[in-house]
């Protein structure tokens, strides 16, 4: 029996990268999954792939930072599955690496809307349902950029620091309800968001240097983040609450240094 057997779940940003890997894993572990993404065609393709394995998957196009559309995808999950046991609020945007003094208010607003207000809306909409049933697991994607500087642009980093605070405050807001809220903080992962970094390194012939700042000396894969999200959504994490877990090859454990191979 899978770790999420019979669980009714939602994964946002499910058309690619970490979201796609997580939706696939949730389904393999026995969950029914509502896949949400702005790209209708791409998210339907992932859902169809999951259904081909015999699992239950429903696709829905929605903007994770829109209040009306978050309400709609939560209502869709309830209509399709009869309730919600876990949600992975993963959808996000990077905003690029615009120099600090070139950033506009509009850029800040859009990144915060999707990356921070989006998870807040997801939590706000699913929590009453979970509280009523006495249990539920909420997982959000933060980032190592929310822990330390120089892992992303200023608005992206601020939005992810906000997600970390959000899961802490939400976990305490749900005191005694049985609803858990946690975050995953990915390091450098090869996804659609980071494609320019990886493509640039390959073009220059420096792909081997990707991930060199962490002790594992490599970038991560979406499946490695999905594994943590699945754990946090499962009963294996039944006493884990209000935490933000770096999954970054050890990047956040260290100060910058010139790596040396052991003798």
C-alpha atoms as a PDB file:
ATOM      1  CA  UNK A   1       0.000   0.000   0.000  1.00  0.00           C
ATOM      2  CA  UNK A   2       1.338   3.429  -0.937  1.00  0.00           C
ATOM      3  CA  UNK A   3       2.165   6.159   1.559  1.00  0.00           C
ATOM      4  CA  UNK A   4      -0.689   8.306   0.201  1.00  0.00           C
ATOM      5  CA  UNK A   5      -3.150   5.500  -0.451  1.00  0.00           C
ATOM      6  CA  UNK A   6      -6.674   6.883  -0.725  1.00  0.00           C
ATOM      7  CA  UNK A   7      -5.570  10.476  -0.083  1.00  0.00           C
ATOM      8  CA  UNK A   8      -7.243  13.277  -2.006  1.00  0.00           C
ATOM      9  CA  UNK A   9      -4.565  15.732  -3.081  1.00  0.00           C
ATOM     10  CA  UNK A  10      -3.797  18.866  -5.080  1.00  0.00           C
ATOM     11  CA  UNK A  11      -0.476  19.799  -6.685  1.00  0.00           C
ATOM     12  CA  UNK A  12      -0.033  23.254  -8.201  1.00  0.00           C
ATOM     13  CA  UNK A  13       2.543  24.102 -10.839  1.00  0.00           C
ATOM     14  CA  UNK A  14       2.053  20.502 -11.938  1.00  0.00           C
ATOM     15  CA  UNK A  15       2.792  20.843 -15.654  1.00  0.00           C
ATOM     16  CA  UNK A  16       6.575  20.720 -15.296  1.00  0.00           C
ATOM     17  CA  UNK A  17       9.561  20.379 -13.015  1.00  0.00           C
ATOM     18  CA  UNK A  18       8.996  19.804  -9.316  1.00  0.00           C
ATOM     19  CA  UNK A  19       5.202  19.915  -9.636  1.00  0.00           C
ATOM     20  CA  UNK A  20       5.117  17.313 -12.379  1.00  0.00           C
ATOM     21  CA  UNK A  21       7.490  15.014 -10.486  1.00  0.00           C
ATOM     22  CA  UNK A  22       5.412  15.434  -7.328  1.00  0.00           C
ATOM     23  CA  UNK A  23       2.088  14.739  -9.033  1.00  0.00           C
ATOM     24  CA  UNK A  24       3.549  11.576 -10.529  1.00  0.00           C
ATOM     25  CA  UNK A  25       4.920  10.440  -7.163  1.00  0.00           C
ATOM     26  CA  UNK A  26       1.733  11.254  -5.254  1.00  0.00           C
ATOM     27  CA  UNK A  27      -0.206   9.161  -7.760  1.00  0.00           C
ATOM     28  CA  UNK A  28       2.264   6.263  -7.548  1.00  0.00           C
ATOM     29  CA  UNK A  29       1.856   6.355  -3.778  1.00  0.00           C
ATOM     30  CA  UNK A  30      -1.897   5.895  -4.114  1.00  0.00           C
ATOM     31  CA  UNK A  31      -3.288   9.423  -4.091  1.00  0.00           C
ATOM     32  CA  UNK A  32      -5.969  10.922  -6.281  1.00  0.00           C
ATOM     33  CA  UNK A  33      -4.410  14.088  -7.682  1.00  0.00           C
ATOM     34  CA  UNK A  34      -5.806  17.354  -9.013  1.00  0.00           C
ATOM     35  CA  UNK A  35      -3.044  18.839 -11.147  1.00  0.00           C
ATOM     36  CA  UNK A  36      -3.183  22.630 -11.426  1.00  0.00           C
ATOM     37  CA  UNK A  37      -1.149  24.835 -13.754  1.00  0.00           C
ATOM     38  CA  UNK A  38      -1.555  27.907 -15.946  1.00  0.00           C
ATOM     39  CA  UNK A  39      -0.674  25.821 -19.003  1.00  0.00           C
ATOM     40  CA  UNK A  40      -3.844  23.878 -19.784  1.00  0.00           C
ATOM     41  CA  UNK A  41      -2.350  21.719 -22.517  1.00  0.00           C
ATOM     42  CA  UNK A  42       0.795  20.802 -20.596  1.00  0.00           C
ATOM     43  CA  UNK A  43      -0.971  19.966 -17.349  1.00  0.00           C
ATOM     44  CA  UNK A  44      -3.528  17.816 -19.161  1.00  0.00           C
ATOM     45  CA  UNK A  45      -0.672  15.887 -20.782  1.00  0.00           C
ATOM     46  CA  UNK A  46       0.803  15.094 -17.362  1.00  0.00           C
ATOM     47  CA  UNK A  47      -2.587  14.074 -16.006  1.00  0.00           C
ATOM     48  CA  UNK A  48      -3.155  11.810 -19.005  1.00  0.00           C
ATOM     49  CA  UNK A  49       0.220  10.191 -18.434  1.00  0.00           C
ATOM     50  CA  UNK A  50      -0.719   9.511 -14.809  1.00  0.00           C
ATOM     51  CA  UNK A  51      -4.149   8.134 -15.752  1.00  0.00           C
ATOM     52  CA  UNK A  52      -2.435   5.752 -18.162  1.00  0.00           C
ATOM     53  CA  UNK A  53      -0.850   4.062 -15.131  1.00  0.00           C
ATOM     54  CA  UNK A  54      -4.276   3.404 -13.649  1.00  0.00           C
ATOM     55  CA  UNK A  55      -4.137   6.211 -11.093  1.00  0.00           C
ATOM     56  CA  UNK A  56      -6.708   8.977 -10.660  1.00  0.00           C
ATOM     57  CA  UNK A  57      -5.621  12.355 -12.014  1.00  0.00           C
ATOM     58  CA  UNK A  58      -7.609  15.420 -13.026  1.00  0.00           C
ATOM     59  CA  UNK A  59      -6.101  18.460 -14.747  1.00  0.00           C
ATOM     60  CA  UNK A  60      -7.233  22.035 -14.313  1.00  0.00           C
ATOM     61  CA  UNK A  61      -5.883  25.285 -15.726  1.00  0.00           C
ATOM     62  CA  UNK A  62      -5.668  28.022 -13.092  1.00  0.00           C
ATOM     63  CA  UNK A  63      -3.549  30.937 -11.960  1.00  0.00           C
ATOM     64  CA  UNK A  64      -2.205  30.036  -8.511  1.00  0.00           C
ATOM     65  CA  UNK A  65      -2.075  33.700  -7.512  1.00  0.00           C
ATOM     66  CA  UNK A  66      -5.696  34.498  -8.340  1.00  0.00           C
ATOM     67  CA  UNK A  67      -8.139  34.368  -5.442  1.00  0.00           C
ATOM     68  CA  UNK A  68     -11.064  33.374  -7.661  1.00  0.00           C
ATOM     69  CA  UNK A  69      -9.072  30.656  -9.404  1.00  0.00           C
ATOM     70  CA  UNK A  70      -7.699  29.213  -6.158  1.00  0.00           C
ATOM     71  CA  UNK A  71     -11.258  28.993  -4.868  1.00  0.00           C
ATOM     72  CA  UNK A  72     -12.191  27.285  -8.130  1.00  0.00           C
ATOM     73  CA  UNK A  73      -9.490  24.633  -8.025  1.00  0.00           C
ATOM     74  CA  UNK A  74     -10.239  23.826  -4.374  1.00  0.00           C
ATOM     75  CA  UNK A  75     -13.928  23.480  -5.232  1.00  0.00           C
ATOM     76  CA  UNK A  76     -13.008  21.259  -8.190  1.00  0.00           C
ATOM     77  CA  UNK A  77     -10.986  18.942  -5.948  1.00  0.00           C
ATOM     78  CA  UNK A  78     -13.894  18.628  -3.540  1.00  0.00           C
ATOM     79  CA  UNK A  79     -16.298  17.957  -6.403  1.00  0.00           C
ATOM     80  CA  UNK A  80     -14.023  15.338  -7.970  1.00  0.00           C
ATOM     81  CA  UNK A  81     -12.757  13.576  -4.847  1.00  0.00           C
ATOM     82  CA  UNK A  82     -15.196  14.443  -2.073  1.00  0.00           C
ATOM     83  CA  UNK A  83     -12.619  16.288   0.008  1.00  0.00           C
ATOM     84  CA  UNK A  84      -8.954  17.228   0.351  1.00  0.00           C
ATOM     85  CA  UNK A  85      -6.366  15.491   2.529  1.00  0.00           C
ATOM     86  CA  UNK A  86      -3.206  17.176   1.259  1.00  0.00           C
ATOM     87  CA  UNK A  87      -2.126  20.038  -0.958  1.00  0.00           C
ATOM     88  CA  UNK A  88       1.277  20.885  -2.350  1.00  0.00           C
ATOM     89  CA  UNK A  89       1.292  24.616  -3.132  1.00  0.00           C
ATOM     90  CA  UNK A  90       4.268  24.495  -5.445  1.00  0.00           C
ATOM     91  CA  UNK A  91       3.521  26.954  -8.262  1.00  0.00           C
ATOM     92  CA  UNK A  92       5.956  29.834  -8.552  1.00  0.00           C
ATOM     93  CA  UNK A  93       7.850  32.162 -10.863  1.00  0.00           C
ATOM     94  CA  UNK A  94      11.460  33.343 -10.700  1.00  0.00           C
ATOM     95  CA  UNK A  95      11.279  36.847 -12.134  1.00  0.00           C
ATOM     96  CA  UNK A  96      14.801  36.488 -13.518  1.00  0.00           C
ATOM     97  CA  UNK A  97      17.931  38.134 -12.172  1.00  0.00           C
ATOM     98  CA  UNK A  98      17.193  41.806 -12.792  1.00  0.00           C
ATOM     99  CA  UNK A  99      19.705  44.056 -10.982  1.00  0.00           C
ATOM    100  CA  UNK A 100      18.304  45.412  -7.722  1.00  0.00           C
ATOM    101  CA  UNK A 101      18.058  49.050  -8.785  1.00  0.00           C
ATOM    102  CA  UNK A 102      16.376  48.117 -12.072  1.00  0.00           C
ATOM    103  CA  UNK A 103      13.516  46.284 -10.380  1.00  0.00           C
ATOM    104  CA  UNK A 104      10.058  47.782 -10.697  1.00  0.00           C
ATOM    105  CA  UNK A 105       7.150  47.780  -8.295  1.00  0.00           C
ATOM    106  CA  UNK A 106       5.188  45.822 -10.899  1.00  0.00           C
ATOM    107  CA  UNK A 107       7.823  43.066 -10.928  1.00  0.00           C
ATOM    108  CA  UNK A 108       7.748  42.840  -7.143  1.00  0.00           C
ATOM    109  CA  UNK A 109       3.969  42.744  -7.095  1.00  0.00           C
ATOM    110  CA  UNK A 110       3.712  39.939  -9.649  1.00  0.00           C
ATOM    111  CA  UNK A 111       6.320  37.733  -7.977  1.00  0.00           C
ATOM    112  CA  UNK A 112       4.787  38.220  -4.545  1.00  0.00           C
ATOM    113  CA  UNK A 113       1.307  37.616  -5.973  1.00  0.00           C
ATOM    114  CA  UNK A 114       2.198  34.214  -7.358  1.00  0.00           C
ATOM    115  CA  UNK A 115       4.890  33.024  -4.943  1.00  0.00           C
ATOM    116  CA  UNK A 116       3.537  34.247  -1.616  1.00  0.00           C
ATOM    117  CA  UNK A 117      -0.098  35.262  -1.946  1.00  0.00           C
ATOM    118  CA  UNK A 118      -0.708  32.081  -3.964  1.00  0.00           C
ATOM    119  CA  UNK A 119       0.340  29.743  -1.108  1.00  0.00           C
ATOM    120  CA  UNK A 120      -1.553  31.922   1.383  1.00  0.00           C
ATOM    121  CA  UNK A 121      -4.723  31.562  -0.680  1.00  0.00           C
ATOM    122  CA  UNK A 122      -4.210  27.806  -1.000  1.00  0.00           C
ATOM    123  CA  UNK A 123      -3.795  27.477   2.764  1.00  0.00           C
ATOM    124  CA  UNK A 124      -6.747  29.714   3.526  1.00  0.00           C
ATOM    125  CA  UNK A 125      -9.079  27.826   1.196  1.00  0.00           C
ATOM    126  CA  UNK A 126      -8.177  24.240   2.154  1.00  0.00           C
ATOM    127  CA  UNK A 127      -7.671  24.724   5.887  1.00  0.00           C
ATOM    128  CA  UNK A 128     -11.375  24.963   6.884  1.00  0.00           C
ATOM    129  CA  UNK A 129     -12.056  21.681   5.082  1.00  0.00           C
ATOM    130  CA  UNK A 130      -9.116  20.000   6.779  1.00  0.00           C
ATOM    131  CA  UNK A 131      -9.981  21.417  10.194  1.00  0.00           C
ATOM    132  CA  UNK A 132     -13.535  20.102   9.861  1.00  0.00           C
ATOM    133  CA  UNK A 133     -12.238  16.590   9.212  1.00  0.00           C
ATOM    134  CA  UNK A 134      -9.564  16.827  11.927  1.00  0.00           C
ATOM    135  CA  UNK A 135      -6.527  16.252   9.737  1.00  0.00           C
ATOM    136  CA  UNK A 136      -4.680  17.513   6.698  1.00  0.00           C
ATOM    137  CA  UNK A 137      -1.221  18.170   5.317  1.00  0.00           C
ATOM    138  CA  UNK A 138      -0.233  21.395   3.587  1.00  0.00           C
ATOM    139  CA  UNK A 139       3.148  21.639   1.856  1.00  0.00           C
ATOM    140  CA  UNK A 140       4.568  24.760   0.205  1.00  0.00           C
ATOM    141  CA  UNK A 141       7.590  25.293  -1.993  1.00  0.00           C
ATOM    142  CA  UNK A 142       9.947  27.865  -0.505  1.00  0.00           C
ATOM    143  CA  UNK A 143      13.637  27.960  -1.512  1.00  0.00           C
ATOM    144  CA  UNK A 144      17.166  28.187  -0.163  1.00  0.00           C
ATOM    145  CA  UNK A 145      16.882  31.714  -1.590  1.00  0.00           C
ATOM    146  CA  UNK A 146      14.484  32.388   1.270  1.00  0.00           C
ATOM    147  CA  UNK A 147      17.148  31.367   3.777  1.00  0.00           C
ATOM    148  CA  UNK A 148      20.245  33.166   2.509  1.00  0.00           C
ATOM    149  CA  UNK A 149      21.177  35.814  -0.059  1.00  0.00           C
ATOM    150  CA  UNK A 150      22.627  35.232  -3.542  1.00  0.00           C
ATOM    151  CA  UNK A 151      20.474  32.235  -4.466  1.00  0.00           C
ATOM    152  CA  UNK A 152      17.963  34.258  -6.490  1.00  0.00           C
ATOM    153  CA  UNK A 153      16.744  37.732  -7.345  1.00  0.00           C
ATOM    154  CA  UNK A 154      15.633  40.083  -4.576  1.00  0.00           C
ATOM    155  CA  UNK A 155      11.840  39.788  -5.043  1.00  0.00           C
ATOM    156  CA  UNK A 156      12.045  36.021  -5.557  1.00  0.00           C
ATOM    157  CA  UNK A 157      14.158  35.616  -2.412  1.00  0.00           C
ATOM    158  CA  UNK A 158      11.839  37.850  -0.399  1.00  0.00           C
ATOM    159  CA  UNK A 159       8.795  35.925  -1.601  1.00  0.00           C
ATOM    160  CA  UNK A 160      10.332  32.622  -0.532  1.00  0.00           C
ATOM    161  CA  UNK A 161      11.380  33.996   2.855  1.00  0.00           C
ATOM    162  CA  UNK A 162       7.735  34.988   3.169  1.00  0.00           C
ATOM    163  CA  UNK A 163       6.640  31.426   2.409  1.00  0.00           C
ATOM    164  CA  UNK A 164       8.831  30.136   5.232  1.00  0.00           C
ATOM    165  CA  UNK A 165       7.240  32.602   7.637  1.00  0.00           C
ATOM    166  CA  UNK A 166       3.800  31.773   6.250  1.00  0.00           C
ATOM    167  CA  UNK A 167       4.082  28.065   7.046  1.00  0.00           C
ATOM    168  CA  UNK A 168       5.297  28.857  10.563  1.00  0.00           C
ATOM    169  CA  UNK A 169       2.484  31.292  11.294  1.00  0.00           C
ATOM    170  CA  UNK A 170      -0.142  29.089   9.652  1.00  0.00           C
ATOM    171  CA  UNK A 171       0.967  26.030  11.608  1.00  0.00           C
ATOM    172  CA  UNK A 172       0.444  27.986  14.814  1.00  0.00           C
ATOM    173  CA  UNK A 173      -2.825  29.485  13.609  1.00  0.00           C
ATOM    174  CA  UNK A 174      -4.122  25.908  13.286  1.00  0.00           C
ATOM    175  CA  UNK A 175      -3.179  25.005  16.860  1.00  0.00           C
ATOM    176  CA  UNK A 176      -4.901  21.835  18.028  1.00  0.00           C
ATOM    177  CA  UNK A 177      -6.693  21.182  14.747  1.00  0.00           C
ATOM    178  CA  UNK A 178      -4.578  18.308  13.425  1.00  0.00           C
ATOM    179  CA  UNK A 179      -3.656  20.289  10.288  1.00  0.00           C
ATOM    180  CA  UNK A 180       0.087  20.398   9.533  1.00  0.00           C
ATOM    181  CA  UNK A 181       1.860  23.017   7.413  1.00  0.00           C
ATOM    182  CA  UNK A 182       5.451  22.663   6.190  1.00  0.00           C
ATOM    183  CA  UNK A 183       7.743  23.894   3.424  1.00  0.00           C
ATOM    184  CA  UNK A 184      10.415  22.465   1.168  1.00  0.00           C
ATOM    185  CA  UNK A 185      13.403  24.675   0.322  1.00  0.00           C
ATOM    186  CA  UNK A 186      14.944  23.415  -2.937  1.00  0.00           C
ATOM    187  CA  UNK A 187      18.487  24.269  -3.915  1.00  0.00           C
ATOM    188  CA  UNK A 188      19.618  24.323  -7.539  1.00  0.00           C
ATOM    189  CA  UNK A 189      17.212  21.975  -9.338  1.00  0.00           C
ATOM    190  CA  UNK A 190      16.972  21.494 -13.083  1.00  0.00           C
ATOM    191  CA  UNK A 191      13.454  22.682 -13.927  1.00  0.00           C
ATOM    192  CA  UNK A 192      11.779  24.920 -16.473  1.00  0.00           C
ATOM    193  CA  UNK A 193      12.523  27.847 -14.182  1.00  0.00           C
ATOM    194  CA  UNK A 194      16.263  27.185 -14.142  1.00  0.00           C
ATOM    195  CA  UNK A 195      16.646  26.138 -17.785  1.00  0.00           C
ATOM    196  CA  UNK A 196      18.542  29.355 -18.701  1.00  0.00           C
ATOM    197  CA  UNK A 197      21.197  28.601 -16.067  1.00  0.00           C
ATOM    198  CA  UNK A 198      21.680  25.043 -17.253  1.00  0.00           C
ATOM    199  CA  UNK A 199      21.571  25.941 -20.945  1.00  0.00           C
ATOM    200  CA  UNK A 200      24.133  28.716 -20.433  1.00  0.00           C
ATOM    201  CA  UNK A 201      26.469  26.341 -18.598  1.00  0.00           C
ATOM    202  CA  UNK A 202      26.162  23.715 -21.321  1.00  0.00           C
ATOM    203  CA  UNK A 203      26.821  26.290 -24.017  1.00  0.00           C
ATOM    204  CA  UNK A 204      29.983  27.401 -22.234  1.00  0.00           C
ATOM    205  CA  UNK A 205      31.081  23.838 -21.516  1.00  0.00           C
ATOM    206  CA  UNK A 206      30.921  24.433 -17.776  1.00  0.00           C
ATOM    207  CA  UNK A 207      28.049  22.095 -16.940  1.00  0.00           C
ATOM    208  CA  UNK A 208      30.335  20.227 -14.533  1.00  0.00           C
ATOM    209  CA  UNK A 209      30.470  23.311 -12.317  1.00  0.00           C
ATOM    210  CA  UNK A 210      26.725  23.385 -11.705  1.00  0.00           C
ATOM    211  CA  UNK A 211      26.126  22.677  -8.035  1.00  0.00           C
ATOM    212  CA  UNK A 212      29.776  23.123  -7.125  1.00  0.00           C
ATOM    213  CA  UNK A 213      28.876  25.274  -4.107  1.00  0.00           C
ATOM    214  CA  UNK A 214      27.212  22.403  -2.244  1.00  0.00           C
ATOM    215  CA  UNK A 215      29.040  19.448  -0.632  1.00  0.00           C
ATOM    216  CA  UNK A 216      27.401  16.935  -2.972  1.00  0.00           C
ATOM    217  CA  UNK A 217      28.924  18.928  -5.853  1.00  0.00           C
ATOM    218  CA  UNK A 218      25.931  18.554  -8.164  1.00  0.00           C
ATOM    219  CA  UNK A 219      22.527  20.059  -8.926  1.00  0.00           C
ATOM    220  CA  UNK A 220      19.393  18.262  -7.837  1.00  0.00           C
ATOM    221  CA  UNK A 221      16.552  16.692  -9.764  1.00  0.00           C
ATOM    222  CA  UNK A 222      12.825  17.420  -9.404  1.00  0.00           C
ATOM    223  CA  UNK A 223      12.228  13.885  -8.128  1.00  0.00           C
ATOM    224  CA  UNK A 224      14.444  14.605  -5.126  1.00  0.00           C
ATOM    225  CA  UNK A 225      12.218  17.503  -4.103  1.00  0.00           C
ATOM    226  CA  UNK A 226       9.087  15.468  -4.813  1.00  0.00           C
ATOM    227  CA  UNK A 227      10.325  12.825  -2.369  1.00  0.00           C
ATOM    228  CA  UNK A 228      10.408  15.372   0.458  1.00  0.00           C
ATOM    229  CA  UNK A 229       7.001  16.776  -0.488  1.00  0.00           C
ATOM    230  CA  UNK A 230       5.524  13.277  -0.489  1.00  0.00           C
ATOM    231  CA  UNK A 231       7.024  12.549   2.928  1.00  0.00           C
ATOM    232  CA  UNK A 232       5.574  15.764   4.373  1.00  0.00           C
ATOM    233  CA  UNK A 233       2.153  14.972   2.888  1.00  0.00           C
ATOM    234  CA  UNK A 234       2.173  11.474   4.379  1.00  0.00           C
ATOM    235  CA  UNK A 235       1.543  10.089   7.853  1.00  0.00           C
ATOM    236  CA  UNK A 236       5.259   9.409   8.129  1.00  0.00           C
ATOM    237  CA  UNK A 237       5.525  13.137   8.903  1.00  0.00           C
ATOM    238  CA  UNK A 238       2.658  13.095  11.397  1.00  0.00           C
ATOM    239  CA  UNK A 239       4.709  14.957  14.035  1.00  0.00           C
ATOM    240  CA  UNK A 240       6.372  17.393  11.616  1.00  0.00           C
ATOM    241  CA  UNK A 241       4.810  20.830  11.625  1.00  0.00           C
ATOM    242  CA  UNK A 242       5.763  24.447  10.978  1.00  0.00           C
ATOM    243  CA  UNK A 243       9.134  23.553   9.466  1.00  0.00           C
ATOM    244  CA  UNK A 244      11.086  24.482   6.329  1.00  0.00           C
ATOM    245  CA  UNK A 245      13.390  21.762   5.021  1.00  0.00           C
ATOM    246  CA  UNK A 246      16.334  22.556   2.727  1.00  0.00           C
ATOM    247  CA  UNK A 247      16.817  19.933   0.014  1.00  0.00           C
ATOM    248  CA  UNK A 248      19.919  21.454  -1.498  1.00  0.00           C
ATOM    249  CA  UNK A 249      22.852  19.057  -1.407  1.00  0.00           C
ATOM    250  CA  UNK A 250      24.073  20.789   1.745  1.00  0.00           C
ATOM    251  CA  UNK A 251      24.311  24.285   0.239  1.00  0.00           C
ATOM    252  CA  UNK A 252      22.631  26.018   3.166  1.00  0.00           C
ATOM    253  CA  UNK A 253      24.845  24.196   5.690  1.00  0.00           C
ATOM    254  CA  UNK A 254      28.000  26.030   4.741  1.00  0.00           C
ATOM    255  CA  UNK A 255      29.650  29.358   4.098  1.00  0.00           C
ATOM    256  CA  UNK A 256      31.272  29.897   0.682  1.00  0.00           C
ATOM    257  CA  UNK A 257      34.489  27.937   0.300  1.00  0.00           C
ATOM    258  CA  UNK A 258      36.829  26.488  -2.311  1.00  0.00           C
ATOM    259  CA  UNK A 259      35.896  22.829  -2.417  1.00  0.00           C
ATOM    260  CA  UNK A 260      38.577  20.191  -1.994  1.00  0.00           C
ATOM    261  CA  UNK A 261      38.225  16.530  -2.744  1.00  0.00           C
ATOM    262  CA  UNK A 262      39.069  14.196   0.163  1.00  0.00           C
ATOM    263  CA  UNK A 263      42.487  12.542  -0.096  1.00  0.00           C
END
